[in-house]
Protein backbone atom coordinates (compact mmCIF):
# COMPACT_ATOMS: atom_id res chain seq x y z
CA MET A 1 83.74 126.62 110.07
CA LYS A 2 87.22 125.19 109.59
CA TYR A 3 88.19 122.20 111.69
CA SER A 4 91.67 121.20 112.78
CA ILE A 5 92.42 117.51 112.45
CA ILE A 6 95.19 116.08 114.61
CA VAL A 7 96.40 112.52 114.21
CA LEU A 8 97.96 111.48 117.49
CA LEU A 9 99.04 107.92 116.91
CA PHE A 10 98.42 104.87 114.83
CA VAL A 11 98.89 101.21 115.58
CA CYS A 12 98.75 98.53 112.91
CA THR A 13 98.30 94.82 113.26
CA THR A 14 98.55 92.42 110.34
CA SER A 15 98.11 88.77 109.57
CA LEU A 16 100.89 88.75 106.96
CA PHE A 17 104.41 90.06 107.46
CA GLY A 18 105.02 93.28 105.56
CA GLN A 19 101.41 94.24 104.95
CA LYS A 20 101.50 96.88 107.66
CA GLU A 21 103.67 98.94 105.35
CA SER A 22 101.36 98.22 102.40
CA ILE A 23 98.41 100.22 103.80
CA GLU A 24 98.65 103.99 104.14
CA ILE A 25 95.93 105.97 105.93
CA THR A 26 95.12 109.53 104.86
CA ASP A 27 92.24 111.84 105.72
CA GLU A 28 90.25 114.57 103.99
CA THR A 29 87.79 117.07 105.44
CA SER A 30 84.55 118.29 103.93
CA ARG A 31 82.45 120.65 106.01
CA ASN A 32 81.98 118.83 109.33
CA HIS A 33 83.08 115.41 108.09
CA LEU A 34 86.45 113.71 108.29
CA PHE A 35 86.89 110.97 105.69
CA LEU A 36 89.53 108.32 106.26
CA TYR A 37 91.07 106.52 103.27
CA ALA A 38 93.15 103.37 103.02
CA THR A 39 95.67 103.22 100.18
CA ASN A 40 96.98 99.78 99.23
CA THR A 41 100.53 100.14 97.88
CA SER A 42 100.95 96.39 97.30
CA GLU A 43 100.16 94.21 94.29
CA VAL A 44 97.58 92.03 96.08
CA ASP A 45 94.03 92.75 97.26
CA LEU A 46 93.68 93.24 101.01
CA ASP A 47 90.86 93.34 103.56
CA VAL A 48 91.26 96.23 105.99
CA THR A 49 89.43 96.72 109.30
CA MET A 50 89.90 100.05 111.06
CA THR A 51 89.11 100.91 114.68
CA VAL A 52 89.17 104.60 115.66
CA GLU A 53 89.23 106.16 119.12
CA GLY A 54 89.55 109.77 120.20
CA SER A 55 87.61 112.94 120.94
CA GLY A 56 85.94 115.81 119.14
CA PHE A 57 83.98 113.64 116.72
CA ARG A 58 81.13 111.16 116.44
CA GLN A 59 81.19 107.84 114.64
CA SER A 60 78.94 104.89 114.03
CA THR A 61 78.44 102.63 117.05
CA ARG A 62 78.36 99.54 114.85
CA LYS A 63 81.16 97.02 115.07
CA PRO A 64 83.95 97.88 112.57
CA ARG A 65 83.68 95.97 109.29
CA ALA A 66 86.37 94.83 106.90
CA TYR A 67 86.67 96.73 103.62
CA ARG A 68 88.15 95.33 100.44
CA VAL A 69 91.01 97.50 99.23
CA PRO A 70 92.18 96.23 95.83
CA ALA A 71 95.83 96.23 94.82
CA ALA A 72 97.21 99.67 93.98
CA SER A 73 94.05 101.52 94.96
CA LYS A 74 92.56 103.97 97.45
CA VAL A 75 89.24 103.36 99.24
CA GLN A 76 87.28 105.44 101.76
CA ILE A 77 86.78 103.15 104.75
CA MET A 78 85.44 105.50 107.43
CA SER A 79 83.58 108.78 107.91
CA LEU A 80 83.65 110.75 111.17
CA VAL A 81 81.42 113.70 112.10
CA VAL A 82 83.47 116.48 113.67
CA GLU A 83 81.58 118.15 116.54
CA ARG A 84 80.95 121.87 116.19
CA GLY A 85 83.71 123.94 117.69
CA LYS A 86 85.79 120.87 118.51
CA THR A 87 89.14 119.62 117.29
CA ALA A 88 89.15 116.01 116.17
CA ARG A 89 91.87 114.03 117.89
CA TYR A 90 92.06 110.38 117.04
CA THR A 91 94.13 107.22 117.06
CA TYR A 92 93.48 104.17 114.95
CA GLU A 93 94.27 100.49 114.76
CA LEU A 94 94.32 98.43 111.59
CA GLU A 95 93.77 94.77 110.93
CA VAL A 96 95.09 93.86 107.48
CA THR A 97 94.86 90.48 105.79
CA ASP A 98 95.18 88.94 102.34
CA SER A 99 92.81 86.14 103.41
CA LEU A 100 89.90 87.76 101.61
CA SER A 101 86.42 87.39 103.07
CA ARG A 102 83.18 87.31 101.13
CA ARG A 103 81.73 89.52 103.86
CA ALA A 104 84.17 92.36 103.27
CA LEU A 105 82.45 95.55 102.19
CA ARG A 106 83.22 96.84 98.71
CA LYS A 107 83.26 100.56 97.95
CA PRO A 108 84.44 102.48 94.88
CA ALA A 109 88.21 102.34 94.54
CA THR A 110 90.52 104.88 92.95
CA ALA A 111 93.56 103.51 91.13
CA VAL A 112 96.94 104.75 92.36
CA LYS A 113 100.51 104.41 91.10
CA ILE A 114 102.86 102.30 93.19
CA ASP A 115 106.60 101.66 93.17
CA PRO A 116 107.58 98.36 91.53
CA LYS A 117 109.82 95.82 93.23
CA LYS A 118 112.71 97.26 91.20
CA PRO A 119 112.84 100.88 89.95
CA ILE A 120 112.09 101.16 86.22
CA LEU A 121 113.98 103.65 84.05
CA LEU A 122 113.59 103.67 80.26
CA TYR A 123 116.43 105.08 78.17
CA LEU A 124 114.87 106.17 74.87
CA THR A 125 116.99 106.01 71.71
CA ASN A 126 116.41 107.36 68.19
CA ASN A 127 116.29 103.81 66.81
CA CYS A 128 113.65 102.56 69.24
CA THR A 129 110.65 100.95 67.55
CA THR A 130 108.96 99.59 70.69
CA CYS A 131 109.35 102.61 73.01
CA GLU A 132 105.91 104.09 72.37
CA GLN A 133 104.21 100.74 72.95
CA MET A 134 106.17 100.22 76.19
CA ILE A 135 105.36 103.70 77.48
CA GLN A 136 101.65 103.25 76.73
CA ALA A 137 101.63 99.95 78.59
CA LEU A 138 103.39 101.43 81.62
CA ASP A 139 101.04 104.42 81.63
CA SER A 140 98.13 101.98 81.81
CA SER A 141 99.77 99.96 84.58
CA TYR A 142 99.92 100.82 88.26
CA TYR A 143 103.70 101.17 88.27
CA ASN A 144 105.72 104.33 88.70
CA TYR A 145 108.52 104.63 86.15
CA ARG A 146 110.85 107.20 84.60
CA THR A 147 112.06 107.93 81.08
CA LEU A 148 115.20 109.61 79.78
CA VAL A 149 115.75 110.70 76.16
CA LEU A 150 119.36 109.86 75.43
CA GLU A 151 119.78 112.49 72.71
CA GLU A 152 119.17 115.08 75.43
CA LYS A 153 121.82 113.51 77.69
CA PRO A 154 124.90 112.95 75.50
CA GLU A 155 127.12 112.01 78.43
CA ILE A 156 124.80 109.16 79.43
CA LYS A 157 124.42 108.11 75.79
CA GLU A 158 128.20 107.92 75.40
CA THR A 159 128.44 105.72 78.48
CA LEU A 160 125.79 103.34 77.15
CA VAL A 161 127.47 103.23 73.73
CA LYS A 162 130.63 102.01 75.45
CA VAL A 163 128.72 99.50 77.58
CA PHE A 164 126.93 97.90 74.64
CA ALA A 165 130.02 97.94 72.41
CA LYS A 166 131.11 94.93 74.46
CA THR A 167 127.90 92.98 73.79
CA VAL A 168 126.45 91.07 70.83
CA THR A 169 124.03 93.96 70.21
CA PRO A 170 125.88 97.27 69.85
CA TYR A 171 124.09 100.52 70.71
CA ASP A 172 123.19 101.48 67.10
CA SER A 173 121.48 98.09 66.60
CA ILE A 174 119.21 98.34 69.65
CA THR A 175 115.55 98.86 68.66
CA ASN A 176 114.02 98.48 72.13
CA PRO A 177 114.23 100.91 75.02
CA ILE A 178 117.32 100.32 77.10
CA ILE A 179 115.79 99.48 80.45
CA ASN A 180 117.49 100.06 83.77
CA LEU A 181 115.68 97.67 86.08
CA GLY A 182 116.89 98.00 89.64
CA GLY A 183 120.37 98.95 88.44
CA LYS A 184 120.72 96.24 85.76
CA LEU A 185 120.58 97.13 82.05
CA TYR A 186 118.49 95.27 79.45
CA SER A 187 118.24 95.92 75.72
CA GLU A 188 116.31 92.79 74.71
CA ILE A 189 113.00 93.61 76.44
CA GLY A 190 110.54 94.49 73.69
CA SER A 191 107.15 94.10 75.37
CA TYR A 192 105.43 94.87 78.64
CA ASP A 193 104.95 91.14 79.35
CA GLU A 194 108.69 90.60 79.00
CA LEU A 195 109.29 93.54 81.34
CA LEU A 196 106.97 92.01 83.97
CA ALA A 197 108.78 88.69 83.69
CA LYS A 198 112.13 90.37 84.37
CA LEU A 199 110.61 92.46 87.15
CA ASN A 200 109.36 89.36 88.94
CA GLU A 201 112.58 87.40 88.64
CA GLN A 202 114.13 86.64 92.01
C-alpha cells in the first residue's frame, strides 16, 4: 500500500545563531515506515534532538534523544510507523547545538557535499600542472565546486589573458588553476591547503 506523507509545519530552536539553517530535515518511505533524516550543511559537528507530533503514525514513547550529526553528513534520526490506511501528518521541533554531549547517539552517517563559504570555480588552462591534484582534492572534500576549461570558452580565456597581462604573472606563465573564489581571482594557489587558507580568510 502506498502512503501519502504530508509535512505540515516545522519549528526549529537552536543554541547557536545560524545553526537552524544548518540542519535540513528530509523523509523517505519504505513500506509502512517513514524515516526522518537530518542533514548537516555546516562544517562543524552538531547534536540534534527532534520532537515529532501529528497523526496517522506511531512512534516510540521514549523521551527524544540527541543524535550526533557530523559536519557535511546525513543521519537517520527517527523512524515512524505509518498506520494502515492512514495519511501521516506531522510537525516537528528541533534542538540543535554544537555543545557536543557524550550521551548523544551515534548512527551511520552518509557524507554529503556542501556549499563553501565562498563559491569555488576553477578555470583550467593548458599549462596547468597542479589542476589534476586540485580537482582530486576537491572531489575528496565535502565542498561543491565547478570547473571550466578555458580552451572551450575562448571569450572567457581572452578576458583572463587581459586581466593577467597587468600582473607579474602573465596568463601564459600560470601553471596553477586560475581560481575564482567568491568573485576574486587567484593564480598563485597551487595546493588544496592553500585554497582552504584563502577560503577561510575573513
